[in-house]
C-alpha atoms as a PDB file:
ATOM      1  CA  MET A   1       0.000   0.000   0.000  1.00  0.00           C
ATOM      2  CA  PHE A   2       2.776   2.448   0.881  1.00  0.00           C
ATOM      3  CA  ALA A   3       4.858   1.292  -2.090  1.00  0.00           C
ATOM      4  CA  LYS A   4       2.313   3.010  -4.347  1.00  0.00           C
ATOM      5  CA  PRO A   5       1.612   6.506  -3.009  1.00  0.00           C
ATOM      6  CA  GLU A   6      -1.109   6.968  -5.632  1.00  0.00           C
ATOM      7  CA  ILE A   7      -3.409   4.805  -3.519  1.00  0.00           C
ATOM      8  CA  MET A   8      -2.927   7.114  -0.544  1.00  0.00           C
ATOM      9  CA  TYR A   9      -3.535  10.181  -2.721  1.00  0.00           C
ATOM     10  CA  ILE A  10      -6.749   8.729  -4.117  1.00  0.00           C
ATOM     11  CA  THR A  11      -7.951   7.706  -0.656  1.00  0.00           C
ATOM     12  CA  GLY A  12      -7.092  11.122   0.749  1.00  0.00           C
ATOM     13  CA  GLY A  13      -8.959  12.819  -2.097  1.00  0.00           C
ATOM     14  CA  ILE A  14     -12.047  10.700  -1.543  1.00  0.00           C
ATOM     15  CA  LEU A  15     -12.057  11.311   2.206  1.00  0.00           C
ATOM     16  CA  GLY A  16     -11.379  15.016   1.694  1.00  0.00           C
ATOM     17  CA  GLY A  17     -14.267  15.270  -0.763  1.00  0.00           C
ATOM     18  CA  MET A  18     -16.563  13.479   1.659  1.00  0.00           C
ATOM     19  CA  GLY A  19     -15.637  16.001   4.335  1.00  0.00           C
ATOM     20  CA  LEU A  20     -16.393  18.953   2.063  1.00  0.00           C
ATOM     21  CA  ILE A  21     -19.873  17.820   1.095  1.00  0.00           C
ATOM     22  CA  PRO A  22     -22.271  17.933   4.075  1.00  0.00           C
ATOM     23  CA  GLY A  23     -23.988  14.633   4.637  1.00  0.00           C
ATOM     24  CA  MET A  24     -21.637  12.699   2.371  1.00  0.00           C
ATOM     25  CA  PRO A  25     -20.232  10.516   5.205  1.00  0.00           C
ATOM     26  CA  ASN A  26     -23.778   9.291   5.729  1.00  0.00           C
ATOM     27  CA  LEU A  27     -23.564   7.677   2.299  1.00  0.00           C
ATOM     28  CA  VAL A  28     -20.853   5.363   3.622  1.00  0.00           C
ATOM     29  CA  PHE A  29     -22.998   4.361   6.593  1.00  0.00           C
ATOM     30  CA  LEU A  30     -25.991   3.770   4.335  1.00  0.00           C
ATOM     31  CA  LEU A  31     -23.826   1.632   2.062  1.00  0.00           C
ATOM     32  CA  LEU A  32     -22.438  -0.403   4.943  1.00  0.00           C
ATOM     33  CA  GLY A  33     -25.871  -0.645   6.517  1.00  0.00           C
ATOM     34  CA  GLY A  34     -27.477  -2.319   3.550  1.00  0.00           C
ATOM     35  CA  PHE A  35     -29.758   0.572   2.580  1.00  0.00           C
ATOM     36  CA  ILE A  36     -28.108   1.067  -0.812  1.00  0.00           C
ATOM     37  CA  LEU A  37     -26.633  -2.364  -1.564  1.00  0.00           C
ATOM     38  CA  PRO A  38     -27.512  -5.732  -0.053  1.00  0.00           C
ATOM     39  CA  LEU A  39     -24.827  -6.744   2.425  1.00  0.00           C
ATOM     40  CA  ASP A  40     -24.215 -10.066   0.699  1.00  0.00           C
ATOM     41  CA  ARG A  41     -22.881  -8.168  -2.344  1.00  0.00           C
ATOM     42  CA  LEU A  42     -20.073  -6.565  -0.328  1.00  0.00           C
ATOM     43  CA  PRO A  43     -16.598  -8.177  -0.291  1.00  0.00           C
ATOM     44  CA  GLY A  44     -15.945 -10.768   2.447  1.00  0.00           C
ATOM     45  CA  PRO A  45     -14.162  -8.771   5.188  1.00  0.00           C
ATOM     46  CA  ILE A  46     -16.312  -5.685   4.629  1.00  0.00           C
ATOM     47  CA  ASP A  47     -19.416  -7.879   4.790  1.00  0.00           C
ATOM     48  CA  LEU A  48     -18.409  -9.197   8.224  1.00  0.00           C
ATOM     49  CA  VAL A  49     -17.801  -5.694   9.573  1.00  0.00           C
ATOM     50  CA  ALA A  50     -20.994  -4.349   8.003  1.00  0.00           C
ATOM     51  CA  HIS A  51     -23.139  -7.010   9.703  1.00  0.00           C
ATOM     52  CA  ALA A  52     -21.845  -5.903  13.119  1.00  0.00           C
ATOM     53  CA  LEU A  53     -22.642  -2.207  12.602  1.00  0.00           C
ATOM     54  CA  PRO A  54     -25.826  -0.672  14.003  1.00  0.00           C
ATOM     55  CA  ALA A  55     -26.825   0.614  10.547  1.00  0.00           C
ATOM     56  CA  ALA A  56     -27.221  -2.967   9.313  1.00  0.00           C
ATOM     57  CA  ALA A  57     -29.290  -3.897  12.351  1.00  0.00           C
ATOM     58  CA  LEU A  58     -31.473  -0.838  11.827  1.00  0.00           C
ATOM     59  CA  THR A  59     -31.949  -1.792   8.168  1.00  0.00           C
ATOM     60  CA  ASP A  60     -32.953  -5.345   9.115  1.00  0.00           C
ATOM     61  CA  ALA A  61     -35.331  -4.146  11.824  1.00  0.00           C
ATOM     62  CA  THR A  62     -36.922  -1.614   9.468  1.00  0.00           C
ATOM     63  CA  ARG A  63     -37.362  -4.180   6.710  1.00  0.00           C
ATOM     64  CA  SER A  64     -38.955  -6.679   9.075  1.00  0.00           C
ATOM     65  CA  ALA A  65     -41.269  -4.008  10.486  1.00  0.00           C
ATOM     66  CA  LEU A  66     -42.385  -2.969   7.009  1.00  0.00           C
ATOM     67  CA  SER A  67     -42.738  -6.496   5.643  1.00  0.00           C
ATOM     68  CA  ALA A  68     -46.091  -8.207   5.264  1.00  0.00           C
ATOM     69  CA  SER A  69     -45.225 -10.910   7.815  1.00  0.00           C
ATOM     70  CA  ASN A  70     -45.284  -8.470  10.773  1.00  0.00           C
ATOM     71  CA  GLN A  71     -42.777 -10.601  12.658  1.00  0.00           C
ATOM     72  CA  ALA A  72     -40.553  -9.006  15.257  1.00  0.00           C
ATOM     73  CA  ALA A  73     -36.838  -8.893  14.595  1.00  0.00           C
ATOM     74  CA  PRO A  74     -35.223  -9.890  17.904  1.00  0.00           C
ATOM     75  CA  GLY A  75     -31.713 -10.268  16.434  1.00  0.00           C
ATOM     76  CA  PRO A  76     -31.346  -6.765  14.980  1.00  0.00           C
ATOM     77  CA  LEU A  77     -33.102  -5.182  17.953  1.00  0.00           C
ATOM     78  CA  ALA A  78     -30.769  -7.007  20.345  1.00  0.00           C
ATOM     79  CA  LEU A  79     -27.752  -5.796  18.365  1.00  0.00           C
ATOM     80  CA  LEU A  80     -29.068  -2.225  18.533  1.00  0.00           C
ATOM     81  CA  ALA A  81     -29.558  -2.575  22.289  1.00  0.00           C
ATOM     82  CA  VAL A  82     -25.989  -3.864  22.695  1.00  0.00           C
ATOM     83  CA  TRP A  83     -24.642  -0.933  20.667  1.00  0.00           C
ATOM     84  CA  ALA A  84     -26.665   1.479  22.820  1.00  0.00           C
ATOM     85  CA  LEU A  85     -25.360  -0.026  26.057  1.00  0.00           C
ATOM     86  CA  VAL A  86     -21.755  -0.138  24.859  1.00  0.00           C
ATOM     87  CA  THR A  87     -21.754   3.452  23.605  1.00  0.00           C
ATOM     88  CA  MET A  88     -23.466   4.774  26.734  1.00  0.00           C
ATOM     89  CA  GLY A  89     -21.003   2.844  28.884  1.00  0.00           C
ATOM     90  CA  ALA A  90     -18.067   4.205  26.896  1.00  0.00           C
ATOM     91  CA  ALA A  91     -19.428   7.739  27.194  1.00  0.00           C
ATOM     92  CA  ALA A  92     -19.939   7.384  30.952  1.00  0.00           C
ATOM     93  CA  PHE A  93     -16.468   5.896  31.376  1.00  0.00           C
ATOM     94  CA  THR A  94     -14.637   8.536  29.323  1.00  0.00           C
ATOM     95  CA  PHE A  95     -16.620  11.617  30.407  1.00  0.00           C
ATOM     96  CA  ARG A  96     -14.648  13.968  32.612  1.00  0.00           C
ATOM     97  CA  PRO A  97     -16.519  16.915  34.087  1.00  0.00           C
ATOM     98  CA  GLU A  98     -14.542  20.107  34.185  1.00  0.00           C
END
């Protein structure tokens, strides 16, 4: 990767462009959450990471809520609850009042 600096330049340009356009980072989260592309079409390692993100769980829960079967989605809702507990715990642990 570092042998070809062009890759770093391209990556830096993409990330810089995403920072300049408001809301553009949300496109990445929508992509990794399965809103834009089905998660099974993502490459292997990215697919594994995407399934663990809360955006994917929210997509699955939304799809099951809007489907005709009206079945609850305990898996995605449990993953969202775990993410909520972990992030609140991390915020409580790292918060330092001044």
